[in-house]
PDB file of N, CA and C in Angstrom:
ATOM      1  N   MET A   1     -19.718  27.106 -16.956  1.00  0.00           N
ATOM      2  CA  MET A   1     -18.478  28.006 -18.462  1.00  0.00           C
ATOM      3  C   MET A   1     -16.995  26.999 -17.622  1.00  0.00           C
ATOM      4  N   PRO A   2     -16.601  26.611 -18.454  1.00  0.00           N
ATOM      5  CA  PRO A   2     -15.403  25.641 -18.046  1.00  0.00           C
ATOM      6  C   PRO A   2     -14.119  26.995 -17.803  1.00  0.00           C
ATOM      7  N   PRO A   3     -12.865  27.149 -17.114  1.00  0.00           N
ATOM      8  CA  PRO A   3     -11.780  27.749 -16.738  1.00  0.00           C
ATOM      9  C   PRO A   3     -10.973  28.258 -17.730  1.00  0.00           C
ATOM     10  N   ALA A   4     -11.069  28.383 -17.875  1.00  0.00           N
ATOM     11  CA  ALA A   4      -9.857  29.348 -19.346  1.00  0.00           C
ATOM     12  C   ALA A   4      -8.390  28.407 -18.999  1.00  0.00           C
ATOM     13  N   GLN A   5      -8.448  28.056 -20.597  1.00  0.00           N
ATOM     14  CA  GLN A   5      -7.625  27.075 -20.586  1.00  0.00           C
ATOM     15  C   GLN A   5      -5.734  28.011 -20.481  1.00  0.00           C
ATOM     16  N   ASN A   6      -4.658  27.580 -19.989  1.00  0.00           N
ATOM     17  CA  ASN A   6      -3.325  28.254 -19.843  1.00  0.00           C
ATOM     18  C   ASN A   6      -2.887  28.037 -21.460  1.00  0.00           C
ATOM     19  N   SER A   7      -2.265  29.305 -22.149  1.00  0.00           N
ATOM     20  CA  SER A   7      -2.284  28.964 -23.304  1.00  0.00           C
ATOM     21  C   SER A   7      -0.637  28.260 -23.739  1.00  0.00           C
ATOM     22  N   THR A   8       0.122  28.946 -22.167  1.00  0.00           N
ATOM     23  CA  THR A   8       1.335  27.855 -22.308  1.00  0.00           C
ATOM     24  C   THR A   8       1.527  26.737 -22.060  1.00  0.00           C
ATOM     25  N   GLY A   9       0.740  25.647 -21.658  1.00  0.00           N
ATOM     26  CA  GLY A   9       0.240  24.448 -20.989  1.00  0.00           C
ATOM     27  C   GLY A   9       0.399  23.921 -19.633  1.00  0.00           C
ATOM     28  N   PRO A  10       1.218  23.364 -18.638  1.00  0.00           N
ATOM     29  CA  PRO A  10       1.046  22.997 -17.297  1.00  0.00           C
ATOM     30  C   PRO A  10       1.781  23.777 -16.572  1.00  0.00           C
ATOM     31  N   ASN A  11       1.941  24.898 -15.644  1.00  0.00           N
ATOM     32  CA  ASN A  11       2.353  25.534 -15.432  1.00  0.00           C
ATOM     33  C   ASN A  11       4.106  23.712 -14.109  1.00  0.00           C
ATOM     34  N   GLN A  12       4.689  24.408 -13.873  1.00  0.00           N
ATOM     35  CA  GLN A  12       5.838  24.071 -13.284  1.00  0.00           C
ATOM     36  C   GLN A  12       5.582  23.192 -11.673  1.00  0.00           C
ATOM     37  N   ASP A  13       4.927  24.205 -11.289  1.00  0.00           N
ATOM     38  CA  ASP A  13       4.063  23.542  -9.948  1.00  0.00           C
ATOM     39  C   ASP A  13       3.264  22.242 -10.273  1.00  0.00           C
ATOM     40  N   ASP A  14       2.926  22.528 -11.824  1.00  0.00           N
ATOM     41  CA  ASP A  14       1.857  20.716 -11.485  1.00  0.00           C
ATOM     42  C   ASP A  14       2.394  19.635 -11.831  1.00  0.00           C
ATOM     43  N   LEU A  15       3.693  20.093 -12.781  1.00  0.00           N
ATOM     44  CA  LEU A  15       4.068  19.347 -13.563  1.00  0.00           C
ATOM     45  C   LEU A  15       5.379  18.339 -11.887  1.00  0.00           C
ATOM     46  N   GLU A  16       5.314  19.142 -11.057  1.00  0.00           N
ATOM     47  CA  GLU A  16       6.094  19.266  -9.286  1.00  0.00           C
ATOM     48  C   GLU A  16       5.295  17.921  -8.993  1.00  0.00           C
ATOM     49  N   ALA A  17       4.210  18.206  -8.897  1.00  0.00           N
ATOM     50  CA  ALA A  17       3.158  18.166  -7.889  1.00  0.00           C
ATOM     51  C   ALA A  17       2.903  15.874  -8.673  1.00  0.00           C
ATOM     52  N   GLY A  18       2.497  16.317  -9.815  1.00  0.00           N
ATOM     53  CA  GLY A  18       2.078  15.245 -10.904  1.00  0.00           C
ATOM     54  C   GLY A  18       3.363  14.737 -10.367  1.00  0.00           C
ATOM     55  N   ARG A  19       4.673  14.535 -10.622  1.00  0.00           N
ATOM     56  CA  ARG A  19       5.530  14.232 -10.527  1.00  0.00           C
ATOM     57  C   ARG A  19       5.927  13.223  -9.466  1.00  0.00           C
ATOM     58  N   ALA A  20       5.470  14.070  -8.105  1.00  0.00           N
ATOM     59  CA  ALA A  20       5.915  13.560  -6.434  1.00  0.00           C
ATOM     60  C   ALA A  20       4.673  11.851  -6.532  1.00  0.00           C
ATOM     61  N   TYR A  21       3.562  12.656  -7.103  1.00  0.00           N
ATOM     62  CA  TYR A  21       2.109  11.984  -7.139  1.00  0.00           C
ATOM     63  C   TYR A  21       2.767  10.453  -7.805  1.00  0.00           C
ATOM     64  N   ARG A  22       3.427  10.916  -8.817  1.00  0.00           N
ATOM     65  CA  ARG A  22       3.923   9.135  -9.955  1.00  0.00           C
ATOM     66  C   ARG A  22       4.441   8.986  -8.413  1.00  0.00           C
ATOM     67  N   GLU A  23       5.105   9.422  -8.310  1.00  0.00           N
ATOM     68  CA  GLU A  23       7.010   8.559  -6.764  1.00  0.00           C
ATOM     69  C   GLU A  23       6.301   7.823  -5.379  1.00  0.00           C
ATOM     70  N   VAL A  24       5.027   8.575  -5.338  1.00  0.00           N
ATOM     71  CA  VAL A  24       4.962   7.780  -3.787  1.00  0.00           C
ATOM     72  C   VAL A  24       3.277   7.325  -4.109  1.00  0.00           C
ATOM     73  N   GLY A  25       2.526   7.167  -5.346  1.00  0.00           N
ATOM     74  CA  GLY A  25       1.322   6.146  -5.649  1.00  0.00           C
ATOM     75  C   GLY A  25       1.363   5.021  -5.044  1.00  0.00           C
ATOM     76  N   PRO A  26       2.641   4.712  -5.669  1.00  0.00           N
ATOM     77  CA  PRO A  26       2.560   2.778  -5.251  1.00  0.00           C
ATOM     78  C   PRO A  26       2.647   3.013  -3.776  1.00  0.00           C
ATOM     79  N   TYR A  27       3.855   2.986  -3.211  1.00  0.00           N
ATOM     80  CA  TYR A  27       3.325   2.450  -1.667  1.00  0.00           C
ATOM     81  C   TYR A  27       1.654   3.784  -1.182  1.00  0.00           C
ATOM     82  N   LEU A  28       0.934   4.079  -1.542  1.00  0.00           N
ATOM     83  CA  LEU A  28       0.048   4.565  -0.647  1.00  0.00           C
ATOM     84  C   LEU A  28      -0.592   3.348  -0.180  1.00  0.00           C
ATOM     85  N   ASN A  29      -1.143   2.614  -1.375  1.00  0.00           N
ATOM     86  CA  ASN A  29      -1.837   1.446  -0.460  1.00  0.00           C
ATOM     87  C   ASN A  29      -1.716   0.224  -0.099  1.00  0.00           C
ATOM     88  N   LEU A  30      -0.171   0.469   0.529  1.00  0.00           N
ATOM     89  CA  LEU A  30       0.383  -0.740   1.560  1.00  0.00           C
ATOM     90  C   LEU A  30      -0.019  -0.667   2.938  1.00  0.00           C
ATOM     91  N   GLY A  31      -0.215   0.824   3.169  1.00  0.00           N
ATOM     92  CA  GLY A  31      -0.904   0.708   4.602  1.00  0.00           C
ATOM     93  C   GLY A  31      -1.967   0.047   4.735  1.00  0.00           C
ATOM     94  N   LEU A  32      -3.049   0.332   3.363  1.00  0.00           N
ATOM     95  CA  LEU A  32      -4.525  -0.313   3.622  1.00  0.00           C
ATOM     96  C   LEU A  32      -4.414  -1.494   3.731  1.00  0.00           C
ATOM     97  N   GLN A  33      -3.156  -2.481   3.051  1.00  0.00           N
ATOM     98  CA  GLN A  33      -3.313  -3.917   2.980  1.00  0.00           C
ATOM     99  C   GLN A  33      -2.514  -4.347   4.448  1.00  0.00           C
ATOM    100  N   LEU A  34      -2.104  -4.283   4.899  1.00  0.00           N
ATOM    101  CA  LEU A  34      -1.713  -4.230   5.638  1.00  0.00           C
ATOM    102  C   LEU A  34      -2.915  -4.805   6.679  1.00  0.00           C
ATOM    103  N   ALA A  35      -3.503  -3.382   7.065  1.00  0.00           N
ATOM    104  CA  ALA A  35      -4.849  -3.048   8.073  1.00  0.00           C
ATOM    105  C   ALA A  35      -6.192  -4.195   7.448  1.00  0.00           C
ATOM    106  N   LEU A  36      -5.702  -3.796   6.652  1.00  0.00           N
ATOM    107  CA  LEU A  36      -6.864  -5.195   5.901  1.00  0.00           C
ATOM    108  C   LEU A  36      -6.969  -6.444   6.348  1.00  0.00           C
ATOM    109  N   THR A  37      -5.822  -6.898   5.763  1.00  0.00           N
ATOM    110  CA  THR A  37      -5.192  -8.689   5.852  1.00  0.00           C
ATOM    111  C   THR A  37      -5.402  -8.637   7.814  1.00  0.00           C
ATOM    112  N   VAL A  38      -5.068  -7.698   8.254  1.00  0.00           N
ATOM    113  CA  VAL A  38      -4.950  -8.177   9.745  1.00  0.00           C
ATOM    114  C   VAL A  38      -6.173  -8.064  10.088  1.00  0.00           C
ATOM    115  N   VAL A  39      -7.435  -7.170   9.838  1.00  0.00           N
ATOM    116  CA  VAL A  39      -9.021  -6.617   9.867  1.00  0.00           C
ATOM    117  C   VAL A  39      -9.438  -8.615   9.280  1.00  0.00           C
ATOM    118  N   ILE A  40      -8.865  -8.992   8.143  1.00  0.00           N
ATOM    119  CA  ILE A  40      -9.740  -9.711   7.494  1.00  0.00           C
ATOM    120  C   ILE A  40      -9.361 -11.867   8.115  1.00  0.00           C
ATOM    121  N   PHE A  41      -8.349 -11.512   8.506  1.00  0.00           N
ATOM    122  CA  PHE A  41      -8.048 -12.738   9.360  1.00  0.00           C
ATOM    123  C   PHE A  41      -8.191 -12.667  10.805  1.00  0.00           C
ATOM    124  N   PHE A  42      -8.527 -11.784  11.202  1.00  0.00           N
ATOM    125  CA  PHE A  42      -9.140 -11.537  12.848  1.00  0.00           C
ATOM    126  C   PHE A  42     -10.656 -12.009  13.112  1.00  0.00           C
ATOM    127  N   LEU A  43     -11.030 -11.471  11.385  1.00  0.00           N
ATOM    128  CA  LEU A  43     -13.270 -11.791  11.653  1.00  0.00           C
ATOM    129  C   LEU A  43     -12.801 -12.882  11.038  1.00  0.00           C
ATOM    130  N   LEU A  44     -12.204 -13.457  10.126  1.00  0.00           N
ATOM    131  CA  LEU A  44     -12.367 -15.075  10.156  1.00  0.00           C
ATOM    132  C   LEU A  44     -11.694 -15.862  11.453  1.00  0.00           C
ATOM    133  N   GLY A  45     -10.994 -15.638  12.097  1.00  0.00           N
ATOM    134  CA  GLY A  45     -10.888 -15.936  13.808  1.00  0.00           C
ATOM    135  C   GLY A  45     -12.512 -15.457  14.322  1.00  0.00           C
ATOM    136  N   TRP A  46     -12.952 -14.700  14.355  1.00  0.00           N
ATOM    137  CA  TRP A  46     -14.079 -14.253  15.397  1.00  0.00           C
ATOM    138  C   TRP A  46     -14.806 -15.902  14.834  1.00  0.00           C
ATOM    139  N   TRP A  47     -15.104 -15.353  13.346  1.00  0.00           N
ATOM    140  CA  TRP A  47     -16.031 -16.340  12.903  1.00  0.00           C
ATOM    141  C   TRP A  47     -16.531 -17.832  13.592  1.00  0.00           C
ATOM    142  N   LEU A  48     -14.555 -18.129  13.257  1.00  0.00           N
ATOM    143  CA  LEU A  48     -14.115 -19.378  13.994  1.00  0.00           C
ATOM    144  C   LEU A  48     -14.757 -20.108  14.918  1.00  0.00           C
ATOM    145  N   ASP A  49     -14.274 -18.870  16.123  1.00  0.00           N
ATOM    146  CA  ASP A  49     -14.318 -18.884  17.454  1.00  0.00           C
ATOM    147  C   ASP A  49     -15.723 -18.612  18.101  1.00  0.00           C
ATOM    148  N   SER A  50     -16.961 -18.067  17.290  1.00  0.00           N
ATOM    149  CA  SER A  50     -18.381 -18.364  16.803  1.00  0.00           C
ATOM    150  C   SER A  50     -18.691 -19.610  16.577  1.00  0.00           C
ATOM    151  N   HIS A  51     -18.593 -19.888  16.135  1.00  0.00           N
ATOM    152  CA  HIS A  51     -18.617 -21.717  14.983  1.00  0.00           C
ATOM    153  C   HIS A  51     -18.133 -22.336  15.704  1.00  0.00           C
ATOM    154  N   TYR A  52     -17.705 -22.702  16.631  1.00  0.00           N
ATOM    155  CA  TYR A  52     -16.541 -24.129  17.635  1.00  0.00           C
ATOM    156  C   TYR A  52     -16.903 -23.624  19.428  1.00  0.00           C
ATOM    157  N   ASN A  53     -17.095 -22.455  19.019  1.00  0.00           N
ATOM    158  CA  ASN A  53     -17.139 -21.895  20.943  1.00  0.00           C
ATOM    159  C   ASN A  53     -16.063 -21.774  21.395  1.00  0.00           C
ATOM    160  N   THR A  54     -14.753 -21.055  20.707  1.00  0.00           N
ATOM    161  CA  THR A  54     -13.574 -21.380  21.742  1.00  0.00           C
ATOM    162  C   THR A  54     -13.303 -20.076  21.741  1.00  0.00           C
ATOM    163  N   SER A  55     -13.729 -18.840  22.624  1.00  0.00           N
ATOM    164  CA  SER A  55     -13.340 -18.024  21.807  1.00  0.00           C
ATOM    165  C   SER A  55     -12.390 -17.182  22.792  1.00  0.00           C
ATOM    166  N   PRO A  56     -11.661 -16.901  22.866  1.00  0.00           N
ATOM    167  CA  PRO A  56     -10.639 -16.161  22.089  1.00  0.00           C
ATOM    168  C   PRO A  56      -9.717 -16.415  20.944  1.00  0.00           C
ATOM    169  N   LEU A  57      -9.674 -17.783  20.916  1.00  0.00           N
ATOM    170  CA  LEU A  57      -8.356 -18.612  20.353  1.00  0.00           C
ATOM    171  C   LEU A  57      -8.215 -18.151  18.989  1.00  0.00           C
ATOM    172  N   PHE A  58      -9.302 -18.516  18.112  1.00  0.00           N
ATOM    173  CA  PHE A  58      -8.862 -17.909  17.037  1.00  0.00           C
ATOM    174  C   PHE A  58      -8.720 -16.689  16.556  1.00  0.00           C
ATOM    175  N   GLN A  59      -9.649 -15.871  16.840  1.00  0.00           N
ATOM    176  CA  GLN A  59      -9.416 -14.716  17.346  1.00  0.00           C
ATOM    177  C   GLN A  59      -7.934 -13.789  17.010  1.00  0.00           C
ATOM    178  N   LEU A  60      -7.374 -15.180  18.309  1.00  0.00           N
ATOM    179  CA  LEU A  60      -5.935 -14.210  18.770  1.00  0.00           C
ATOM    180  C   LEU A  60      -4.544 -14.943  17.383  1.00  0.00           C
ATOM    181  N   VAL A  61      -5.549 -16.191  17.323  1.00  0.00           N
ATOM    182  CA  VAL A  61      -4.490 -16.670  16.161  1.00  0.00           C
ATOM    183  C   VAL A  61      -4.503 -15.912  14.579  1.00  0.00           C
ATOM    184  N   GLY A  62      -5.509 -15.798  14.244  1.00  0.00           N
ATOM    185  CA  GLY A  62      -6.216 -14.982  13.401  1.00  0.00           C
ATOM    186  C   GLY A  62      -5.261 -13.914  13.300  1.00  0.00           C
ATOM    187  N   ALA A  63      -5.567 -13.042  14.054  1.00  0.00           N
ATOM    188  CA  ALA A  63      -4.577 -11.632  14.065  1.00  0.00           C
ATOM    189  C   ALA A  63      -3.188 -12.268  13.998  1.00  0.00           C
ATOM    190  N   PHE A  64      -2.899 -12.829  14.655  1.00  0.00           N
ATOM    191  CA  PHE A  64      -1.050 -12.802  14.268  1.00  0.00           C
ATOM    192  C   PHE A  64      -0.397 -13.432  13.427  1.00  0.00           C
ATOM    193  N   VAL A  65      -1.098 -14.270  12.158  1.00  0.00           N
ATOM    194  CA  VAL A  65      -1.316 -14.644  10.674  1.00  0.00           C
ATOM    195  C   VAL A  65      -1.739 -13.992   9.785  1.00  0.00           C
ATOM    196  N   GLY A  66      -2.627 -12.567  10.644  1.00  0.00           N
ATOM    197  CA  GLY A  66      -2.724 -11.101   9.739  1.00  0.00           C
ATOM    198  C   GLY A  66      -1.469 -10.131   9.806  1.00  0.00           C
ATOM    199  N   VAL A  67      -0.556 -10.737  11.236  1.00  0.00           N
ATOM    200  CA  VAL A  67       0.362  -9.419  10.965  1.00  0.00           C
ATOM    201  C   VAL A  67       1.427 -10.219  10.848  1.00  0.00           C
ATOM    202  N   VAL A  68       1.710 -11.385  10.611  1.00  0.00           N
ATOM    203  CA  VAL A  68       3.001 -11.695   9.908  1.00  0.00           C
ATOM    204  C   VAL A  68       2.725 -11.460   8.621  1.00  0.00           C
ATOM    205  N   GLY A  69       1.732 -12.454   8.432  1.00  0.00           N
ATOM    206  CA  GLY A  69       1.134 -12.471   6.742  1.00  0.00           C
ATOM    207  C   GLY A  69       1.308 -10.959   5.932  1.00  0.00           C
ATOM    208  N   GLY A  70       0.881  -9.751   6.586  1.00  0.00           N
ATOM    209  CA  GLY A  70       0.580  -7.962   5.868  1.00  0.00           C
ATOM    210  C   GLY A  70       2.347  -8.064   6.417  1.00  0.00           C
ATOM    211  N   MET A  71       2.200  -8.076   7.708  1.00  0.00           N
ATOM    212  CA  MET A  71       4.050  -7.253   7.729  1.00  0.00           C
ATOM    213  C   MET A  71       5.130  -8.057   6.392  1.00  0.00           C
ATOM    214  N   THR A  72       5.178  -9.017   6.387  1.00  0.00           N
ATOM    215  CA  THR A  72       5.680  -9.895   5.551  1.00  0.00           C
ATOM    216  C   THR A  72       5.115  -9.525   4.185  1.00  0.00           C
ATOM    217  N   LYS A  73       4.516  -9.422   2.964  1.00  0.00           N
ATOM    218  CA  LYS A  73       3.693  -9.092   2.098  1.00  0.00           C
ATOM    219  C   LYS A  73       4.245  -7.281   2.465  1.00  0.00           C
ATOM    220  N   PHE A  74       3.829  -6.125   3.418  1.00  0.00           N
ATOM    221  CA  PHE A  74       4.185  -4.821   3.004  1.00  0.00           C
ATOM    222  C   PHE A  74       6.102  -5.200   3.198  1.00  0.00           C
ATOM    223  N   LEU A  75       7.253  -5.509   3.530  1.00  0.00           N
ATOM    224  CA  LEU A  75       8.030  -5.448   4.188  1.00  0.00           C
ATOM    225  C   LEU A  75       8.640  -6.195   1.937  1.00  0.00           C
ATOM    226  N   LYS A  76       7.910  -6.704   1.224  1.00  0.00           N
ATOM    227  CA  LYS A  76       7.974  -7.259   0.213  1.00  0.00           C
ATOM    228  C   LYS A  76       8.211  -6.873  -0.842  1.00  0.00           C
ATOM    229  N   SER A  77       6.987  -5.868  -0.741  1.00  0.00           N
ATOM    230  CA  SER A  77       6.593  -4.535  -1.432  1.00  0.00           C
ATOM    231  C   SER A  77       7.307  -3.780  -2.310  1.00  0.00           C
ATOM    232  N   VAL A  78       8.073  -2.717  -0.254  1.00  0.00           N
ATOM    233  CA  VAL A  78       8.602  -1.984   0.051  1.00  0.00           C
ATOM    234  C   VAL A  78      10.345  -2.792  -0.699  1.00  0.00           C
ATOM    235  N   VAL A  79      10.330  -3.796  -0.735  1.00  0.00           N
ATOM    236  CA  VAL A  79      11.974  -3.876  -1.009  1.00  0.00           C
ATOM    237  C   VAL A  79      11.887  -4.118  -2.648  1.00  0.00           C
ATOM    238  N   GLU A  80      10.470  -4.308  -2.823  1.00  0.00           N
ATOM    239  CA  GLU A  80      11.323  -4.326  -4.385  1.00  0.00           C
ATOM    240  C   GLU A  80      10.514  -2.908  -5.530  1.00  0.00           C
ATOM    241  N   LEU A  81       9.690  -2.320  -4.272  1.00  0.00           N
ATOM    242  CA  LEU A  81       9.545  -0.625  -4.953  1.00  0.00           C
ATOM    243  C   LEU A  81      10.080   0.098  -4.778  1.00  0.00           C
ATOM    244  N   SER A  82      11.467  -0.518  -3.665  1.00  0.00           N
ATOM    245  CA  SER A  82      12.711  -0.147  -3.681  1.00  0.00           C
ATOM    246  C   SER A  82      13.879   0.017  -4.878  1.00  0.00           C
ATOM    247  N   LYS A  83      13.610  -1.237  -5.633  1.00  0.00           N
ATOM    248  CA  LYS A  83      14.640  -1.769  -6.282  1.00  0.00           C
ATOM    249  C   LYS A  83      14.546  -1.453  -7.905  1.00  0.00           C
ATOM    250  N   LYS A  84      13.070  -0.603  -7.778  1.00  0.00           N
ATOM    251  CA  LYS A  84      12.808  -0.919  -9.157  1.00  0.00           C
ATOM    252  C   LYS A  84      12.710   1.202  -8.980  1.00  0.00           C
ATOM    253  N   GLU A  85      12.681   1.727  -8.037  1.00  0.00           N
ATOM    254  CA  GLU A  85      13.175   3.165  -8.148  1.00  0.00           C
ATOM    255  C   GLU A  85      14.035   3.569  -8.566  1.00  0.00           C
ATOM    256  N   GLU A  86      15.295   2.433  -7.777  1.00  0.00           N
ATOM    257  CA  GLU A  86      16.243   2.576  -8.165  1.00  0.00           C
ATOM    258  C   GLU A  86      17.400   2.170  -9.325  1.00  0.00           C
ATOM    259  N   THR A  87      16.382   1.594 -10.054  1.00  0.00           N
ATOM    260  CA  THR A  87      16.791   0.821 -11.116  1.00  0.00           C
ATOM    261  C   THR A  87      16.787   2.103 -12.742  1.00  0.00           C
ATOM    262  N   SER A  88      15.085   2.497 -12.247  1.00  0.00           N
ATOM    263  CA  SER A  88      14.861   3.743 -13.218  1.00  0.00           C
ATOM    264  C   SER A  88      16.064   5.269 -12.895  1.00  0.00           C
ATOM    265  N   LYS A  89      16.036   5.131 -11.469  1.00  0.00           N
ATOM    266  CA  LYS A  89      17.124   6.161 -11.436  1.00  0.00           C
ATOM    267  C   LYS A  89      18.275   5.869 -12.248  1.00  0.00           C
ATOM    268  N   SER A  90      18.927   5.037 -12.197  1.00  0.00           N
ATOM    269  CA  SER A  90      20.022   4.777 -12.271  1.00  0.00           C
ATOM    270  C   SER A  90      19.983   4.894 -14.082  1.00  0.00           C
ATOM    271  N   LYS A  91      18.899   4.470 -14.585  1.00  0.00           N
ATOM    272  CA  LYS A  91      18.405   4.866 -15.854  1.00  0.00           C
ATOM    273  C   LYS A  91      18.604   5.960 -16.486  1.00  0.00           C
ATOM    274  N   SER A  92      18.288   6.807 -15.912  1.00  0.00           N
ATOM    275  CA  SER A  92      17.407   7.804 -15.742  1.00  0.00           C
ATOM    276  C   SER A  92      19.238   9.298 -15.316  1.00  0.00           C
ATOM    277  N   ARG A  93      20.178   8.207 -15.239  1.00  0.00           N
ATOM    278  CA  ARG A  93      21.756   9.127 -14.822  1.00  0.00           C
ATOM    279  C   ARG A  93      22.222   9.198 -16.048  1.00  0.00           C
ATOM    280  N   GLU A  94      21.556   7.679 -16.561  1.00  0.00           N
ATOM    281  CA  GLU A  94      22.595   7.020 -17.666  1.00  0.00           C
ATOM    282  C   GLU A  94      22.841   8.190 -19.055  1.00  0.00           C
ATOM    283  N   ASP A  95      21.513   8.313 -18.744  1.00  0.00           N
ATOM    284  CA  ASP A  95      20.602   9.389 -20.710  1.00  0.00           C
ATOM    285  C   ASP A  95      21.481  10.562 -20.617  1.00  0.00           C
TER     286      ASP A  95
END
């Protein structure tokens, strides 16, 4: 049997939790993106090293490219999200 519905609607804590999740939601996947970028480029380097027998040259190059590319994307995303957040806050203040 489903739980009884509150006739007054969601309480204030639920609304605040939902708002907090909406605010941090875009940031939650940034760490995963960074880690996956490094791992994918490292594995690509590992595959190239095993194919050309040059270990650990391409592994190191792949890890370096993954870190630089991942951090670049990470920083661009954070700046973009911060600008969106500032824009939305300034619009809400004007209303």
